[in-house]
Amino acid sequence: GRAVAIKQVIQPGYAPELNPAERVFQEVRRHVEGRVYGSVAEKQAAAEVYLKELAGDRERIKQLAGWGWIEDNLASLPKQTV
């Protein structure tokens, strides 16, 4: 087997508010909560539509989840070769 170099990425201590996924979930909840839906499936569909909208908006995702410590660690990872 080949040896694989693995770089350790230091993350802040446990804090859900610093978890990028939590920030995206918070944004989705902000968008879909406070409305009355006919069913859970309708609410899920509204969340999925908004997630697709977010996926197409790189700048918004960067605002939500692109903190400096994440970008710095990503930039310091070795470049992948194909």
PDB file of N, CA and C in Angstrom:
ATOM      1  N   GLY A   1       0.797  -1.171   0.000  1.00  0.00           N
ATOM      2  CA  GLY A   1       0.000   0.000   0.000  1.00  0.00           C
ATOM      3  C   GLY A   1       0.858   1.260   0.000  1.00  0.00           C
ATOM      4  N   ARG A   2       0.297   2.312  -0.507  1.00  0.00           N
ATOM      5  CA  ARG A   2       0.961   3.620  -0.543  1.00  0.00           C
ATOM      6  C   ARG A   2       0.702   4.383   0.732  1.00  0.00           C
ATOM      7  N   ALA A   3       1.729   5.061   1.201  1.00  0.00           N
ATOM      8  CA  ALA A   3       1.550   5.933   2.352  1.00  0.00           C
ATOM      9  C   ALA A   3       0.800   7.186   1.891  1.00  0.00           C
ATOM     10  N   VAL A   4      -0.130   7.633   2.706  1.00  0.00           N
ATOM     11  CA  VAL A   4      -0.913   8.824   2.388  1.00  0.00           C
ATOM     12  C   VAL A   4      -0.614   9.880   3.441  1.00  0.00           C
ATOM     13  N   ALA A   5      -0.186  11.033   2.972  1.00  0.00           N
ATOM     14  CA  ALA A   5       0.065  12.132   3.901  1.00  0.00           C
ATOM     15  C   ALA A   5      -1.263  12.764   4.288  1.00  0.00           C
ATOM     16  N   ILE A   6      -1.496  12.853   5.563  1.00  0.00           N
ATOM     17  CA  ILE A   6      -2.735  13.444   6.053  1.00  0.00           C
ATOM     18  C   ILE A   6      -2.391  14.658   6.894  1.00  0.00           C
ATOM     19  N   LYS A   7      -2.988  15.776   6.554  1.00  0.00           N
ATOM     20  CA  LYS A   7      -2.765  17.010   7.300  1.00  0.00           C
ATOM     21  C   LYS A   7      -3.879  17.163   8.328  1.00  0.00           C
ATOM     22  N   GLN A   8      -3.487  17.417   9.553  1.00  0.00           N
ATOM     23  CA  GLN A   8      -4.465  17.632  10.604  1.00  0.00           C
ATOM     24  C   GLN A   8      -5.029  19.046  10.467  1.00  0.00           C
ATOM     25  N   VAL A   9      -6.343  19.145  10.524  1.00  0.00           N
ATOM     26  CA  VAL A   9      -7.015  20.437  10.464  1.00  0.00           C
ATOM     27  C   VAL A   9      -7.551  20.736  11.858  1.00  0.00           C
ATOM     28  N   ILE A  10      -7.021  21.782  12.463  1.00  0.00           N
ATOM     29  CA  ILE A  10      -7.439  22.155  13.808  1.00  0.00           C
ATOM     30  C   ILE A  10      -8.739  22.958  13.717  1.00  0.00           C
ATOM     31  N   GLN A  11      -9.722  22.530  14.479  1.00  0.00           N
ATOM     32  CA  GLN A  11     -11.005  23.221  14.506  1.00  0.00           C
ATOM     33  C   GLN A  11     -11.238  23.785  15.904  1.00  0.00           C
ATOM     34  N   PRO A  12     -12.059  24.803  15.998  1.00  0.00           N
ATOM     35  CA  PRO A  12     -12.403  25.329  17.323  1.00  0.00           C
ATOM     36  C   PRO A  12     -13.075  24.246  18.159  1.00  0.00           C
ATOM     37  N   GLY A  13     -13.071  24.426  19.472  1.00  0.00           N
ATOM     38  CA  GLY A  13     -13.757  23.501  20.362  1.00  0.00           C
ATOM     39  C   GLY A  13     -15.229  23.408  20.028  1.00  0.00           C
ATOM     40  N   TYR A  14     -15.911  22.439  20.599  1.00  0.00           N
ATOM     41  CA  TYR A  14     -17.320  22.212  20.302  1.00  0.00           C
ATOM     42  C   TYR A  14     -18.128  23.492  20.474  1.00  0.00           C
ATOM     43  N   ALA A  15     -18.772  23.886  19.413  1.00  0.00           N
ATOM     44  CA  ALA A  15     -19.653  25.045  19.437  1.00  0.00           C
ATOM     45  C   ALA A  15     -20.551  24.943  18.207  1.00  0.00           C
ATOM     46  N   PRO A  16     -21.799  24.486  18.371  1.00  0.00           N
ATOM     47  CA  PRO A  16     -22.686  24.315  17.211  1.00  0.00           C
ATOM     48  C   PRO A  16     -22.805  25.566  16.352  1.00  0.00           C
ATOM     49  N   GLU A  17     -22.710  26.744  16.982  1.00  0.00           N
ATOM     50  CA  GLU A  17     -22.839  27.973  16.194  1.00  0.00           C
ATOM     51  C   GLU A  17     -21.663  28.175  15.247  1.00  0.00           C
ATOM     52  N   LEU A  18     -20.573  27.422  15.435  1.00  0.00           N
ATOM     53  CA  LEU A  18     -19.428  27.504  14.531  1.00  0.00           C
ATOM     54  C   LEU A  18     -19.419  26.400  13.481  1.00  0.00           C
ATOM     55  N   ASN A  19     -20.410  25.528  13.525  1.00  0.00           N
ATOM     56  CA  ASN A  19     -20.496  24.438  12.567  1.00  0.00           C
ATOM     57  C   ASN A  19     -21.162  24.961  11.302  1.00  0.00           C
ATOM     58  N   PRO A  20     -20.463  24.924  10.172  1.00  0.00           N
ATOM     59  CA  PRO A  20     -21.034  25.470   8.925  1.00  0.00           C
ATOM     60  C   PRO A  20     -22.394  24.887   8.569  1.00  0.00           C
ATOM     61  N   ALA A  21     -22.572  23.597   8.789  1.00  0.00           N
ATOM     62  CA  ALA A  21     -23.867  22.980   8.457  1.00  0.00           C
ATOM     63  C   ALA A  21     -24.980  23.571   9.314  1.00  0.00           C
ATOM     64  N   GLU A  22     -24.694  23.846  10.570  1.00  0.00           N
ATOM     65  CA  GLU A  22     -25.710  24.438  11.444  1.00  0.00           C
ATOM     66  C   GLU A  22     -26.146  25.807  10.936  1.00  0.00           C
ATOM     67  N   ARG A  23     -25.214  26.569  10.404  1.00  0.00           N
ATOM     68  CA  ARG A  23     -25.562  27.889   9.863  1.00  0.00           C
ATOM     69  C   ARG A  23     -26.474  27.748   8.648  1.00  0.00           C
ATOM     70  N   VAL A  24     -26.222  26.761   7.803  1.00  0.00           N
ATOM     71  CA  VAL A  24     -27.079  26.534   6.636  1.00  0.00           C
ATOM     72  C   VAL A  24     -28.462  26.070   7.102  1.00  0.00           C
ATOM     73  N   PHE A  25     -28.502  25.136   8.076  1.00  0.00           N
ATOM     74  CA  PHE A  25     -29.789  24.678   8.601  1.00  0.00           C
ATOM     75  C   PHE A  25     -30.571  25.837   9.205  1.00  0.00           C
ATOM     76  N   GLN A  26     -29.889  26.717   9.919  1.00  0.00           N
ATOM     77  CA  GLN A  26     -30.534  27.880  10.524  1.00  0.00           C
ATOM     78  C   GLN A  26     -31.153  28.763   9.435  1.00  0.00           C
ATOM     79  N   GLU A  27     -30.444  28.933   8.337  1.00  0.00           N
ATOM     80  CA  GLU A  27     -30.954  29.734   7.224  1.00  0.00           C
ATOM     81  C   GLU A  27     -32.194  29.089   6.610  1.00  0.00           C
ATOM     82  N   VAL A  28     -32.172  27.769   6.442  1.00  0.00           N
ATOM     83  CA  VAL A  28     -33.333  27.066   5.883  1.00  0.00           C
ATOM     84  C   VAL A  28     -34.522  27.188   6.839  1.00  0.00           C
ATOM     85  N   ARG A  29     -34.276  26.990   8.130  1.00  0.00           N
ATOM     86  CA  ARG A  29     -35.369  27.135   9.104  1.00  0.00           C
ATOM     87  C   ARG A  29     -35.949  28.546   9.059  1.00  0.00           C
ATOM     88  N   ARG A  30     -35.091  29.554   8.970  1.00  0.00           N
ATOM     89  CA  ARG A  30     -35.556  30.937   8.897  1.00  0.00           C
ATOM     90  C   ARG A  30     -36.489  31.127   7.705  1.00  0.00           C
ATOM     91  N   HIS A  31     -36.170  30.435   6.620  1.00  0.00           N
ATOM     92  CA  HIS A  31     -36.955  30.585   5.390  1.00  0.00           C
ATOM     93  C   HIS A  31     -38.285  29.837   5.445  1.00  0.00           C
ATOM     94  N   VAL A  32     -38.335  28.666   6.081  1.00  0.00           N
ATOM     95  CA  VAL A  32     -39.558  27.849   6.020  1.00  0.00           C
ATOM     96  C   VAL A  32     -40.427  27.926   7.270  1.00  0.00           C
ATOM     97  N   GLU A  33     -39.875  28.339   8.403  1.00  0.00           N
ATOM     98  CA  GLU A  33     -40.676  28.396   9.635  1.00  0.00           C
ATOM     99  C   GLU A  33     -41.625  29.591   9.606  1.00  0.00           C
ATOM    100  N   GLY A  34     -42.662  29.508  10.421  1.00  0.00           N
ATOM    101  CA  GLY A  34     -43.618  30.614  10.534  1.00  0.00           C
ATOM    102  C   GLY A  34     -44.715  30.585   9.495  1.00  0.00           C
ATOM    103  N   ARG A  35     -44.774  29.530   8.725  1.00  0.00           N
ATOM    104  CA  ARG A  35     -45.836  29.361   7.735  1.00  0.00           C
ATOM    105  C   ARG A  35     -46.633  28.111   8.081  1.00  0.00           C
ATOM    106  N   VAL A  36     -47.841  28.045   7.598  1.00  0.00           N
ATOM    107  CA  VAL A  36     -48.665  26.858   7.787  1.00  0.00           C
ATOM    108  C   VAL A  36     -48.614  26.049   6.490  1.00  0.00           C
ATOM    109  N   TYR A  37     -48.259  24.790   6.635  1.00  0.00           N
ATOM    110  CA  TYR A  37     -48.175  23.884   5.486  1.00  0.00           C
ATOM    111  C   TYR A  37     -49.281  22.848   5.614  1.00  0.00           C
ATOM    112  N   GLY A  38     -49.753  22.365   4.496  1.00  0.00           N
ATOM    113  CA  GLY A  38     -50.813  21.358   4.503  1.00  0.00           C
ATOM    114  C   GLY A  38     -50.352  20.007   5.002  1.00  0.00           C
ATOM    115  N   SER A  39     -49.040  19.759   4.901  1.00  0.00           N
ATOM    116  CA  SER A  39     -48.497  18.482   5.346  1.00  0.00           C
ATOM    117  C   SER A  39     -46.991  18.635   5.587  1.00  0.00           C
ATOM    118  N   VAL A  40     -46.433  17.652   6.236  1.00  0.00           N
ATOM    119  CA  VAL A  40     -44.990  17.642   6.454  1.00  0.00           C
ATOM    120  C   VAL A  40     -44.271  17.577   5.101  1.00  0.00           C
ATOM    121  N   ALA A  41     -44.844  16.835   4.165  1.00  0.00           N
ATOM    122  CA  ALA A  41     -44.240  16.717   2.835  1.00  0.00           C
ATOM    123  C   ALA A  41     -44.158  18.082   2.137  1.00  0.00           C
ATOM    124  N   GLU A  42     -45.182  18.920   2.322  1.00  0.00           N
ATOM    125  CA  GLU A  42     -45.148  20.258   1.723  1.00  0.00           C
ATOM    126  C   GLU A  42     -44.052  21.115   2.347  1.00  0.00           C
ATOM    127  N   LYS A  43     -43.891  20.995   3.653  1.00  0.00           N
ATOM    128  CA  LYS A  43     -42.831  21.751   4.326  1.00  0.00           C
ATOM    129  C   LYS A  43     -41.458  21.253   3.856  1.00  0.00           C
ATOM    130  N   GLN A  44     -41.318  19.951   3.746  1.00  0.00           N
ATOM    131  CA  GLN A  44     -40.066  19.375   3.260  1.00  0.00           C
ATOM    132  C   GLN A  44     -39.783  19.854   1.836  1.00  0.00           C
ATOM    133  N   ALA A  45     -40.792  19.888   1.000  1.00  0.00           N
ATOM    134  CA  ALA A  45     -40.612  20.348  -0.377  1.00  0.00           C
ATOM    135  C   ALA A  45     -40.163  21.805  -0.403  1.00  0.00           C
ATOM    136  N   ALA A  46     -40.730  22.643   0.470  1.00  0.00           N
ATOM    137  CA  ALA A  46     -40.322  24.050   0.537  1.00  0.00           C
ATOM    138  C   ALA A  46     -38.858  24.163   0.963  1.00  0.00           C
ATOM    139  N   ALA A  47     -38.458  23.338   1.927  1.00  0.00           N
ATOM    140  CA  ALA A  47     -37.063  23.346   2.370  1.00  0.00           C
ATOM    141  C   ALA A  47     -36.138  22.900   1.239  1.00  0.00           C
ATOM    142  N   GLU A  48     -36.538  21.883   0.497  1.00  0.00           N
ATOM    143  CA  GLU A  48     -35.709  21.381  -0.609  1.00  0.00           C
ATOM    144  C   GLU A  48     -35.565  22.424  -1.718  1.00  0.00           C
ATOM    145  N   VAL A  49     -36.642  23.126  -2.017  1.00  0.00           N
ATOM    146  CA  VAL A  49     -36.582  24.184  -3.034  1.00  0.00           C
ATOM    147  C   VAL A  49     -35.585  25.255  -2.587  1.00  0.00           C
ATOM    148  N   TYR A  50     -35.662  25.639  -1.318  1.00  0.00           N
ATOM    149  CA  TYR A  50     -34.760  26.679  -0.826  1.00  0.00           C
ATOM    150  C   TYR A  50     -33.314  26.174  -0.781  1.00  0.00           C
ATOM    151  N   LEU A  51     -33.097  24.913  -0.420  1.00  0.00           N
ATOM    152  CA  LEU A  51     -31.740  24.354  -0.433  1.00  0.00           C
ATOM    153  C   LEU A  51     -31.148  24.388  -1.841  1.00  0.00           C
ATOM    154  N   LYS A  52     -31.960  24.071  -2.839  1.00  0.00           N
ATOM    155  CA  LYS A  52     -31.479  24.127  -4.228  1.00  0.00           C
ATOM    156  C   LYS A  52     -31.143  25.559  -4.617  1.00  0.00           C
ATOM    157  N   GLU A  53     -31.961  26.496  -4.168  1.00  0.00           N
ATOM    158  CA  GLU A  53     -31.695  27.911  -4.434  1.00  0.00           C
ATOM    159  C   GLU A  53     -30.366  28.322  -3.788  1.00  0.00           C
ATOM    160  N   LEU A  54     -30.167  27.922  -2.546  1.00  0.00           N
ATOM    161  CA  LEU A  54     -28.909  28.233  -1.860  1.00  0.00           C
ATOM    162  C   LEU A  54     -27.713  27.597  -2.570  1.00  0.00           C
ATOM    163  N   ALA A  55     -27.885  26.362  -3.029  1.00  0.00           N
ATOM    164  CA  ALA A  55     -26.789  25.656  -3.701  1.00  0.00           C
ATOM    165  C   ALA A  55     -26.312  26.419  -4.938  1.00  0.00           C
ATOM    166  N   GLY A  56     -27.195  27.155  -5.560  1.00  0.00           N
ATOM    167  CA  GLY A  56     -26.831  27.931  -6.739  1.00  0.00           C
ATOM    168  C   GLY A  56     -26.275  29.311  -6.419  1.00  0.00           C
ATOM    169  N   ASP A  57     -26.223  29.659  -5.146  1.00  0.00           N
ATOM    170  CA  ASP A  57     -25.765  30.992  -4.733  1.00  0.00           C
ATOM    171  C   ASP A  57     -24.480  30.854  -3.910  1.00  0.00           C
ATOM    172  N   ARG A  58     -23.360  30.725  -4.607  1.00  0.00           N
ATOM    173  CA  ARG A  58     -22.061  30.493  -3.946  1.00  0.00           C
ATOM    174  C   ARG A  58     -21.722  31.596  -2.947  1.00  0.00           C
ATOM    175  N   GLU A  59     -22.053  32.832  -3.259  1.00  0.00           N
ATOM    176  CA  GLU A  59     -21.723  33.933  -2.354  1.00  0.00           C
ATOM    177  C   GLU A  59     -22.513  33.833  -1.048  1.00  0.00           C
ATOM    178  N   ARG A  60     -23.782  33.438  -1.139  1.00  0.00           N
ATOM    179  CA  ARG A  60     -24.591  33.293   0.082  1.00  0.00           C
ATOM    180  C   ARG A  60     -24.047  32.154   0.940  1.00  0.00           C
ATOM    181  N   ILE A  61     -23.698  31.043   0.305  1.00  0.00           N
ATOM    182  CA  ILE A  61     -23.124  29.914   1.050  1.00  0.00           C
ATOM    183  C   ILE A  61     -21.812  30.333   1.690  1.00  0.00           C
ATOM    184  N   LYS A  62     -21.013  31.100   0.985  1.00  0.00           N
ATOM    185  CA  LYS A  62     -19.747  31.574   1.545  1.00  0.00           C
ATOM    186  C   LYS A  62     -20.004  32.476   2.752  1.00  0.00           C
ATOM    187  N   GLN A  63     -21.026  33.310   2.674  1.00  0.00           N
ATOM    188  CA  GLN A  63     -21.382  34.157   3.823  1.00  0.00           C
ATOM    189  C   GLN A  63     -21.793  33.309   5.022  1.00  0.00           C
ATOM    190  N   LEU A  64     -22.531  32.248   4.764  1.00  0.00           N
ATOM    191  CA  LEU A  64     -23.026  31.403   5.845  1.00  0.00           C
ATOM    192  C   LEU A  64     -21.943  30.505   6.434  1.00  0.00           C
ATOM    193  N   ALA A  65     -21.093  29.952   5.585  1.00  0.00           N
ATOM    194  CA  ALA A  65     -20.195  28.892   6.045  1.00  0.00           C
ATOM    195  C   ALA A  65     -18.728  29.109   5.715  1.00  0.00           C
ATOM    196  N   GLY A  66     -18.371  30.223   5.131  1.00  0.00           N
ATOM    197  CA  GLY A  66     -16.987  30.424   4.704  1.00  0.00           C
ATOM    198  C   GLY A  66     -16.159  31.237   5.675  1.00  0.00           C
ATOM    199  N   TRP A  67     -16.088  30.818   6.924  1.00  0.00           N
ATOM    200  CA  TRP A  67     -15.311  31.560   7.899  1.00  0.00           C
ATOM    201  C   TRP A  67     -13.825  31.439   7.641  1.00  0.00           C
ATOM    202  N   GLY A  68     -13.088  32.398   8.138  1.00  0.00           N
ATOM    203  CA  GLY A  68     -11.648  32.437   7.920  1.00  0.00           C
ATOM    204  C   GLY A  68     -10.920  31.175   8.324  1.00  0.00           C
ATOM    205  N   TRP A  69     -11.241  30.591   9.484  1.00  0.00           N
ATOM    206  CA  TRP A  69     -10.518  29.400   9.925  1.00  0.00           C
ATOM    207  C   TRP A  69     -10.766  28.232   8.988  1.00  0.00           C
ATOM    208  N   ILE A  70     -11.946  28.173   8.361  1.00  0.00           N
ATOM    209  CA  ILE A  70     -12.231  27.105   7.401  1.00  0.00           C
ATOM    210  C   ILE A  70     -11.448  27.358   6.121  1.00  0.00           C
ATOM    211  N   GLU A  71     -11.528  28.581   5.605  1.00  0.00           N
ATOM    212  CA  GLU A  71     -10.832  28.909   4.360  1.00  0.00           C
ATOM    213  C   GLU A  71      -9.320  28.757   4.518  1.00  0.00           C
ATOM    214  N   ASP A  72      -8.779  29.181   5.659  1.00  0.00           N
ATOM    215  CA  ASP A  72      -7.340  29.044   5.893  1.00  0.00           C
ATOM    216  C   ASP A  72      -6.909  27.588   5.883  1.00  0.00           C
ATOM    217  N   ASN A  73      -7.690  26.734   6.542  1.00  0.00           N
ATOM    218  CA  ASN A  73      -7.335  25.314   6.577  1.00  0.00           C
ATOM    219  C   ASN A  73      -7.501  24.659   5.215  1.00  0.00           C
ATOM    220  N   LEU A  74      -8.532  25.027   4.477  1.00  0.00           N
ATOM    221  CA  LEU A  74      -8.700  24.471   3.123  1.00  0.00           C
ATOM    222  C   LEU A  74      -7.555  24.889   2.218  1.00  0.00           C
ATOM    223  N   ALA A  75      -7.138  26.148   2.345  1.00  0.00           N
ATOM    224  CA  ALA A  75      -6.043  26.654   1.503  1.00  0.00           C
ATOM    225  C   ALA A  75      -4.717  25.964   1.834  1.00  0.00           C
ATOM    226  N   SER A  76      -4.583  25.500   3.073  1.00  0.00           N
ATOM    227  CA  SER A  76      -3.321  24.888   3.474  1.00  0.00           C
ATOM    228  C   SER A  76      -3.235  23.400   3.148  1.00  0.00           C
ATOM    229  N   LEU A  77      -4.355  22.809   2.687  1.00  0.00           N
ATOM    230  CA  LEU A  77      -4.324  21.391   2.313  1.00  0.00           C
ATOM    231  C   LEU A  77      -3.506  21.200   1.050  1.00  0.00           C
ATOM    232  N   PRO A  78      -2.816  20.068   0.926  1.00  0.00           N
ATOM    233  CA  PRO A  78      -2.057  19.818  -0.310  1.00  0.00           C
ATOM    234  C   PRO A  78      -2.999  19.733  -1.511  1.00  0.00           C
ATOM    235  N   LYS A  79      -2.537  20.207  -2.622  1.00  0.00           N
ATOM    236  CA  LYS A  79      -3.336  20.137  -3.863  1.00  0.00           C
ATOM    237  C   LYS A  79      -3.458  18.684  -4.300  1.00  0.00           C
ATOM    238  N   GLN A  80      -4.662  18.302  -4.710  1.00  0.00           N
ATOM    239  CA  GLN A  80      -4.891  16.942  -5.176  1.00  0.00           C
ATOM    240  C   GLN A  80      -4.449  16.809  -6.617  1.00  0.00           C
ATOM    241  N   THR A  81      -3.841  15.684  -6.921  1.00  0.00           N
ATOM    242  CA  THR A  81      -3.487  15.390  -8.309  1.00  0.00           C
ATOM    243  C   THR A  81      -4.308  14.218  -8.772  1.00  0.00           C
ATOM    244  N   VAL A  82      -4.718  14.274 -10.005  1.00  0.00           N
ATOM    245  CA  VAL A  82      -5.586  13.218 -10.549  1.00  0.00           C
ATOM    246  C   VAL A  82      -4.762  12.251 -11.342  1.00  0.00           C
TER     247      VAL A  82
END
